[in-house]
Protein backbone atom coordinates (compact mmCIF):
# COMPACT_ATOMS: atom_id res chain seq x y z
CA MET A 1 15.25 20.67 18.86
CA THR A 2 15.39 23.65 20.57
CA ALA A 3 11.66 25.35 21.65
CA THR A 4 11.78 28.12 18.41
CA ASP A 5 12.71 24.65 16.42
CA GLY A 6 9.47 23.09 17.05
CA GLY A 7 7.35 26.18 16.94
CA ALA A 8 8.55 26.41 13.46
CA VAL A 9 7.88 22.98 12.77
CA ARG A 10 4.65 23.16 13.83
CA ALA A 11 3.68 26.22 12.00
CA HIS A 12 5.18 24.96 9.06
CA TYR A 13 2.89 21.38 9.43
CA ALA A 14 -0.44 23.86 10.33
CA GLU A 15 0.55 25.49 7.32
CA LEU A 16 0.58 22.95 4.86
CA ARG A 17 -1.97 21.04 6.41
CA ALA A 18 -4.19 24.17 5.61
CA ALA A 19 -3.94 23.70 2.44
CA VAL A 20 -4.96 19.91 2.58
CA ALA A 21 -7.69 20.57 4.22
CA PRO A 22 -10.43 22.14 1.71
CA PHE A 23 -9.62 18.62 -0.02
CA GLU A 24 -10.71 16.33 2.95
CA ARG A 25 -14.26 16.59 2.17
CA SER A 26 -16.11 12.76 0.87
CA GLY A 27 -19.04 12.99 -1.37
CA ARG A 28 -21.27 10.11 -0.71
CA ALA A 29 -22.74 10.60 -3.89
CA ALA A 30 -19.21 10.01 -5.81
CA SER A 31 -17.36 7.86 -3.63
CA ALA A 32 -20.65 5.12 -3.56
CA SER A 33 -20.79 5.73 -8.01
CA GLN A 34 -17.29 5.11 -7.82
CA LEU A 35 -17.96 1.79 -5.90
CA ALA A 36 -20.69 0.80 -7.78
CA VAL A 37 -18.90 1.36 -11.01
CA THR A 38 -15.74 -0.67 -10.14
CA LEU A 39 -17.58 -3.30 -8.65
CA VAL A 40 -19.63 -3.96 -11.63
CA LEU A 41 -16.53 -3.47 -13.68
CA PHE A 42 -14.94 -6.04 -11.55
CA VAL A 43 -17.73 -9.11 -11.62
CA ALA A 44 -18.25 -8.58 -15.50
CA THR A 45 -14.31 -9.30 -15.91
CA CYS A 46 -13.86 -11.97 -14.04
CA ALA A 47 -17.59 -13.21 -15.50
CA ALA A 48 -15.86 -12.93 -19.70
CA MET A 49 -12.22 -14.82 -18.04
CA TYR A 50 -14.70 -17.33 -16.73
CA GLY A 51 -16.45 -17.60 -20.65
CA ALA A 52 -13.02 -17.48 -22.18
CA LEU A 53 -12.08 -20.58 -20.67
CA ALA A 54 -14.24 -22.30 -23.24
CA VAL A 55 -12.28 -20.33 -26.45
CA SER A 56 -8.66 -19.52 -24.87
CA TYR A 57 -6.81 -19.97 -21.22
CA PRO A 58 -4.26 -16.86 -22.78
CA LEU A 59 -7.94 -14.52 -23.27
CA THR A 60 -8.32 -15.65 -19.41
CA LEU A 61 -4.52 -14.58 -18.43
CA VAL A 62 -5.08 -11.69 -20.99
CA LEU A 63 -8.03 -9.99 -19.25
CA SER A 64 -7.01 -11.28 -15.23
CA VAL A 65 -4.69 -7.46 -16.39
CA PRO A 66 -7.56 -5.13 -15.84
CA ALA A 67 -9.41 -7.10 -13.47
CA ALA A 68 -6.24 -7.51 -11.30
CA GLY A 69 -5.87 -3.24 -11.72
CA LEU A 70 -9.60 -3.10 -10.45
CA LEU A 71 -8.72 -5.26 -7.66
CA VAL A 72 -6.33 -2.95 -6.82
CA ARG A 73 -8.80 0.38 -7.59
CA LEU A 74 -11.01 -1.92 -5.47
CA PHE A 75 -8.17 -1.90 -2.12
CA ILE A 76 -7.68 1.64 -2.52
CA PHE A 77 -11.20 2.41 -1.76
CA GLN A 78 -11.30 -0.43 1.14
CA HIS A 79 -7.53 1.84 2.42
CA ASP A 80 -9.76 5.16 2.38
CA CYS A 81 -12.45 3.50 4.31
CA GLY A 82 -10.11 2.36 6.85
CA HIS A 83 -8.69 6.08 7.02
CA GLY A 84 -12.25 7.17 7.77
CA ALA A 85 -11.96 9.24 3.95
CA TYR A 86 -14.56 7.30 1.85
CA PHE A 87 -17.99 8.46 3.42
CA ALA A 88 -18.99 10.91 6.10
CA SER A 89 -20.29 8.36 8.11
CA SER A 90 -17.61 5.66 10.15
CA ARG A 91 -20.80 2.68 9.81
CA ALA A 92 -20.90 3.47 5.57
CA ASN A 93 -17.10 3.39 5.51
CA ARG A 94 -16.69 0.11 7.51
CA ILE A 95 -19.88 -1.82 5.59
CA ALA A 96 -17.85 -0.65 1.77
CA GLY A 97 -14.36 -1.68 3.40
CA ILE A 98 -16.09 -5.04 5.12
CA VAL A 99 -17.14 -5.52 1.31
CA CYS A 100 -14.03 -4.62 -0.46
CA SER A 101 -11.82 -7.24 1.89
CA VAL A 102 -13.98 -10.08 0.45
CA PHE A 103 -12.57 -9.21 -2.89
CA THR A 104 -9.03 -7.94 -1.77
CA LEU A 105 -8.80 -10.87 0.59
CA THR A 106 -7.18 -8.53 3.61
CA PRO A 107 -9.49 -8.14 6.75
CA TYR A 108 -11.21 -5.18 6.73
CA GLU A 109 -10.53 -4.32 10.42
CA ASN A 110 -7.51 -5.76 11.52
CA TRP A 111 -5.25 -4.12 8.24
CA ARG A 112 -7.10 -0.60 9.07
CA ARG A 113 -5.41 -0.50 12.85
CA GLN A 114 -2.01 -2.58 11.61
CA HIS A 115 -2.05 0.57 8.67
CA ALA A 116 -2.59 2.96 11.18
CA ARG A 117 0.58 2.20 12.77
CA HIS A 118 2.17 3.26 9.62
CA HIS A 119 0.78 6.31 9.68
CA GLY A 120 2.47 7.46 13.15
CA ASN A 121 5.88 6.23 11.88
CA TRP A 122 6.76 6.32 8.59
CA ASN A 123 10.50 6.95 7.48
CA ASN A 124 11.38 7.18 11.78
CA LEU A 125 14.50 5.10 12.36
CA ASP A 126 13.94 4.75 15.76
CA ARG A 127 10.08 3.59 15.28
CA ARG A 128 10.57 1.35 12.83
CA ALA A 129 7.96 -2.22 12.46
CA ALA A 130 8.99 -5.09 13.86
CA GLY A 131 11.63 -7.07 11.28
CA VAL A 132 8.42 -9.21 9.41
CA ASP A 133 7.86 -5.46 7.87
CA ILE A 134 10.22 -6.15 4.68
CA TYR A 135 8.45 -3.64 2.61
CA GLY A 136 8.01 0.02 5.32
CA ALA A 137 11.20 -0.62 7.15
CA CYS A 138 14.50 -1.21 7.03
CA LEU A 139 18.10 -1.62 8.56
CA THR A 140 20.94 1.03 8.36
CA VAL A 141 24.00 -0.15 6.97
CA ARG A 142 25.89 0.04 10.67
CA GLU A 143 22.82 -2.23 12.09
CA TYR A 144 23.66 -4.82 8.59
CA ARG A 145 27.33 -4.65 9.46
CA ALA A 146 26.38 -5.73 13.12
CA LEU A 147 24.63 -8.41 11.42
CA SER A 148 26.06 -12.28 12.00
CA PHE A 149 26.90 -13.73 9.10
CA TRP A 150 23.77 -15.72 8.59
CA HIS A 151 21.76 -13.17 9.66
CA ARG A 152 23.01 -10.85 6.39
CA ALA A 153 22.45 -13.57 4.68
CA LEU A 154 19.02 -14.00 5.48
CA TYR A 155 18.05 -10.05 5.01
CA ARG A 156 19.47 -9.91 1.41
CA HIS A 157 18.02 -13.31 0.53
CA ILE A 158 14.56 -12.35 1.79
CA ARG A 159 15.34 -8.63 0.22
CA ASN A 160 15.72 -9.98 -3.20
CA PRO A 161 13.77 -8.36 -5.60
CA PHE A 162 12.33 -11.48 -7.08
CA LEU A 163 11.40 -12.91 -3.85
CA THR A 164 10.40 -9.95 -2.55
CA TYR A 165 7.88 -8.69 -4.97
CA LEU A 166 7.18 -11.44 -6.55
CA ILE A 167 6.88 -14.54 -5.09
CA LEU A 168 5.89 -12.81 -1.36
CA PRO A 169 2.77 -10.43 -2.17
CA PRO A 170 0.27 -13.82 -3.03
CA LEU A 171 1.46 -15.65 0.06
CA VAL A 172 0.81 -12.49 2.41
CA PHE A 173 -2.49 -11.66 0.74
CA VAL A 174 -3.79 -15.46 0.39
CA MET A 175 -2.12 -17.22 3.33
CA LEU A 176 -0.59 -15.02 5.88
CA TYR A 177 -3.49 -12.32 5.74
CA ARG A 178 -5.42 -15.73 7.25
CA ILE A 179 -3.96 -15.79 10.70
CA PRO A 180 -3.84 -12.85 12.87
CA PHE A 181 -0.52 -13.30 13.83
CA ASP A 182 0.79 -10.21 14.42
CA THR A 183 -2.28 -8.85 16.32
CA PRO A 184 -1.94 -8.12 19.22
CA ALA A 185 -4.05 -10.37 22.01
CA ALA A 186 -6.20 -7.74 23.32
CA TRP A 187 -7.01 -6.53 19.61
CA ARG A 188 -10.38 -8.87 20.06
CA ARG A 189 -12.80 -6.89 17.55
CA GLU A 190 -9.57 -7.37 14.85
CA ARG A 191 -8.95 -10.29 15.38
CA ASN A 192 -12.38 -11.49 14.70
CA ALA A 193 -12.31 -9.62 11.68
CA VAL A 194 -9.83 -12.07 10.40
CA TYR A 195 -11.86 -15.10 11.01
CA TRP A 196 -15.34 -13.44 9.97
CA THR A 197 -13.08 -12.44 6.35
CA ASP A 198 -12.04 -16.49 6.34
CA ALA A 199 -15.61 -17.19 6.69
CA LEU A 200 -16.59 -14.93 4.21
CA LEU A 201 -14.23 -16.20 2.00
CA VAL A 202 -14.88 -20.08 2.37
CA ALA A 203 -18.54 -19.24 1.66
CA SER A 204 -17.61 -17.10 -1.31
CA PHE A 205 -15.07 -19.04 -3.30
CA GLY A 206 -16.87 -22.12 -1.52
CA GLY A 207 -20.01 -21.71 -3.61
CA LEU A 208 -18.60 -20.47 -7.07
CA GLY A 209 -16.66 -23.54 -6.92
CA LEU A 210 -19.37 -25.80 -6.26
CA LEU A 211 -21.37 -23.51 -9.48
CA LEU A 212 -19.11 -23.47 -12.00
CA GLY A 213 -16.33 -25.91 -10.38
CA PHE A 214 -13.30 -25.39 -8.47
CA LYS A 215 -10.29 -25.58 -11.50
CA ALA A 216 -12.28 -22.89 -12.72
CA VAL A 217 -12.54 -20.53 -10.07
CA LEU A 218 -8.80 -21.35 -9.63
CA MET A 219 -7.75 -20.75 -13.27
CA VAL A 220 -9.54 -17.67 -13.18
CA GLN A 221 -8.98 -16.22 -9.53
CA ALA A 222 -5.02 -16.95 -9.55
CA PRO A 223 -3.94 -14.70 -11.72
CA ILE A 224 -5.71 -11.74 -10.86
CA VAL A 225 -5.03 -12.54 -7.19
CA ILE A 226 -1.58 -13.20 -8.18
CA LEU A 227 -1.09 -10.16 -10.26
CA GLY A 228 -3.16 -7.29 -8.34
CA SER A 229 -1.28 -8.57 -4.60
CA ILE A 230 2.10 -8.09 -6.72
CA ILE A 231 1.31 -4.27 -8.20
CA GLY A 232 -0.27 -3.69 -5.00
CA VAL A 233 2.65 -4.26 -2.46
CA TRP A 234 5.11 -2.29 -5.08
CA LEU A 235 2.81 0.27 -4.68
CA PHE A 236 3.21 0.68 -1.52
CA ALA A 237 6.53 0.05 -0.78
CA VAL A 238 7.88 2.46 -3.70
CA GLN A 239 6.79 5.31 -2.33
CA HIS A 240 8.66 5.18 1.23
CA ARG A 241 11.69 3.40 -0.29
CA PHE A 242 13.49 5.16 -3.39
CA ASP A 243 15.96 7.70 -4.31
CA GLY A 244 15.49 10.54 -2.61
CA ALA A 245 13.37 8.94 0.10
CA GLN A 246 14.98 10.61 3.86
CA TRP A 247 14.89 8.37 7.18
CA THR A 248 15.12 10.31 10.19
CA ARG A 249 15.53 9.65 13.65
CA GLN A 250 12.81 10.33 16.45
CA ALA A 251 14.69 13.97 17.61
CA GLU A 252 14.31 15.02 13.59
CA TRP A 253 11.86 13.34 12.67
CA ASN A 254 8.56 15.63 12.03
CA ALA A 255 5.42 14.65 9.89
CA ALA A 256 5.22 17.55 7.16
CA ASP A 257 9.15 17.07 6.01
CA ALA A 258 8.06 13.42 6.35
CA ALA A 259 5.53 13.95 4.27
CA LEU A 260 7.61 15.82 1.56
CA ASP A 261 10.82 14.34 2.01
CA SER A 262 9.85 10.50 3.06
CA THR A 263 7.02 10.07 0.68
CA SER A 264 6.77 10.13 -3.17
CA TYR A 265 4.77 11.78 -6.06
CA LEU A 266 4.61 8.89 -8.34
CA LYS A 267 3.90 9.95 -12.14
CA LEU A 268 1.30 7.54 -13.82
CA PRO A 269 -0.03 7.67 -17.18
CA ALA A 270 -3.75 8.89 -16.95
CA ILE A 271 -5.15 5.45 -17.14
CA LEU A 272 -2.70 3.76 -14.33
CA ARG A 273 -4.04 6.65 -12.23
CA TRP A 274 -7.58 5.86 -12.23
CA PHE A 275 -6.51 2.05 -11.73
CA THR A 276 -4.45 2.78 -8.75
CA GLY A 277 -6.86 5.23 -7.25
CA ASN A 278 -3.96 8.02 -7.76
CA ILE A 279 -2.43 6.99 -4.84
CA GLY A 280 0.56 8.08 -6.37
CA PHE A 281 -0.26 11.81 -4.65
CA HIS A 282 1.24 9.46 -1.61
CA HIS A 283 2.57 12.86 0.01
CA ILE A 284 -0.80 14.53 0.56
CA HIS A 285 -2.56 11.51 1.42
CA HIS A 286 0.23 11.34 4.54
CA LEU A 287 -0.15 14.71 4.67
CA SER A 288 -3.81 14.25 5.38
CA VAL A 289 -5.18 10.58 4.97
CA ARG A 290 -8.94 12.01 4.74
CA VAL A 291 -9.01 13.36 1.24
CA PRO A 292 -10.49 10.64 -0.57
CA ASN A 293 -8.74 8.82 -3.48
CA TYR A 294 -10.61 10.92 -6.01
CA ARG A 295 -9.68 14.11 -4.53
CA LEU A 296 -5.67 13.94 -4.25
CA ALA A 297 -5.10 15.41 -8.30
CA ALA A 298 -6.88 18.01 -7.90
CA CYS A 299 -4.98 19.12 -4.05
CA HIS A 300 -1.75 18.47 -5.97
CA ALA A 301 -2.56 20.92 -8.92
CA ALA A 302 -3.45 23.64 -6.92
CA ASN A 303 -0.66 23.47 -4.16
CA PRO A 304 2.38 24.62 -5.54
CA THR A 305 4.26 24.50 -2.46
CA LEU A 306 3.43 20.57 -2.63
CA HIS A 307 5.39 20.24 -5.65
CA ARG A 308 8.60 20.50 -3.61
CA VAL A 309 8.07 16.46 -3.29
CA THR A 310 10.31 13.65 -5.30
CA THR A 311 8.62 12.60 -8.40
CA LEU A 312 8.86 8.99 -9.45
CA SER A 313 8.34 8.15 -13.51
CA LEU A 314 7.24 4.63 -13.47
CA TRP A 315 10.91 3.35 -14.52
CA SER A 316 12.43 4.91 -12.02
CA ALA A 317 10.09 3.51 -9.20
CA ILE A 318 10.71 0.09 -10.79
CA LYS A 319 14.29 0.65 -10.44
CA SER A 320 14.12 1.87 -6.37
CA VAL A 321 13.03 -1.92 -5.89
CA ARG A 322 17.13 -2.51 -4.92
CA LEU A 323 17.33 0.59 -2.40
CA VAL A 324 17.52 -1.61 0.87
CA LEU A 325 19.48 -0.14 3.50
CA TRP A 326 19.87 3.49 4.79
CA ASP A 327 23.53 4.72 5.02
CA GLU A 328 23.16 6.98 7.90
CA ASP A 329 26.62 8.92 7.00
CA ARG A 330 25.20 9.46 3.30
CA GLN A 331 21.68 9.99 4.32
CA ARG A 332 20.67 8.32 1.23
CA LEU A 333 18.91 4.33 0.12
CA ILE A 334 21.40 2.25 -0.96
CA SER A 335 21.45 -1.03 -2.33
CA PHE A 336 23.24 -4.22 -1.36
CA GLY A 337 25.64 -3.30 -4.78
CA GLU A 338 26.59 0.10 -3.50
CA LEU A 339 27.65 -2.14 -0.06
CA GLN A 340 29.28 -4.17 -1.67
CA ALA A 341 31.59 -1.65 -3.36
CA THR A 342 32.54 0.13 -0.23
CA GLY A 343 33.88 -2.89 1.39
CA GLY A 344 30.36 -3.21 2.80
């Protein structure tokens, strides 16, 4: 990249950031009321599920659907807190984030810092996360073909959509987040946050178990966590790995193009936008992490220059789960089926 090219890229990014900047205002009343209403609705729905146990477990399972949606919404609030976007006060963000973490099972401090890495290198082939990240990273076709037979088999099986999007997400939230296995030893605050979160969860679920019975707690909380984690993980993955997403090398990567070419606008019905905290406007979130969830839609509507982003329907997003390899020759993501058709 020449100095002239670099200057043009910086000017383009500055222009996009200027368009988004007016929406980087968090409203204390808006954030507090949004959080309070969602917490009340979530607790009330859980209470209704416990009450339904005496009537019909299928009814309890039906109620787990809105409960899982509310859990996803709480996770979005925790996510906004982690970016310093939910409240103007860092202390208020931390308190709200920790409160949400007890419901989402996600250690606030640790997840916040780990997630910040993602925002520095998304869809950058030269700065991909470690191999344990099967949702935010992928191999190129050449890299995949260079693997041994057994490593190719492992890569394929782990990325089977059934395993990746249905089996593993609950295990990530219930088990993997209980230990700081990938947290550097120097991150002492973040590692301690994992243990404090675990202690809070033991106290919370232990208290519920003693009060209502551990079997009842399992029958109510398990379907909420399973469904909520599946939805949450899918939402994250699909907005970076979809038909039309671009992955580039460091020399060509820049934040402006990566926001509009390597993230998507997941166009959802209004009710689903509410439950998912507008995270479908992911291109705007990557342009500025300081735009709170309740201003994302207005920002998108006010800036036609942001509309060049790939728009996904719910169905096209669901189909994207098969895309697992970046083909540098064709400059597109492909499935294992497409690779096999070309002799891979």
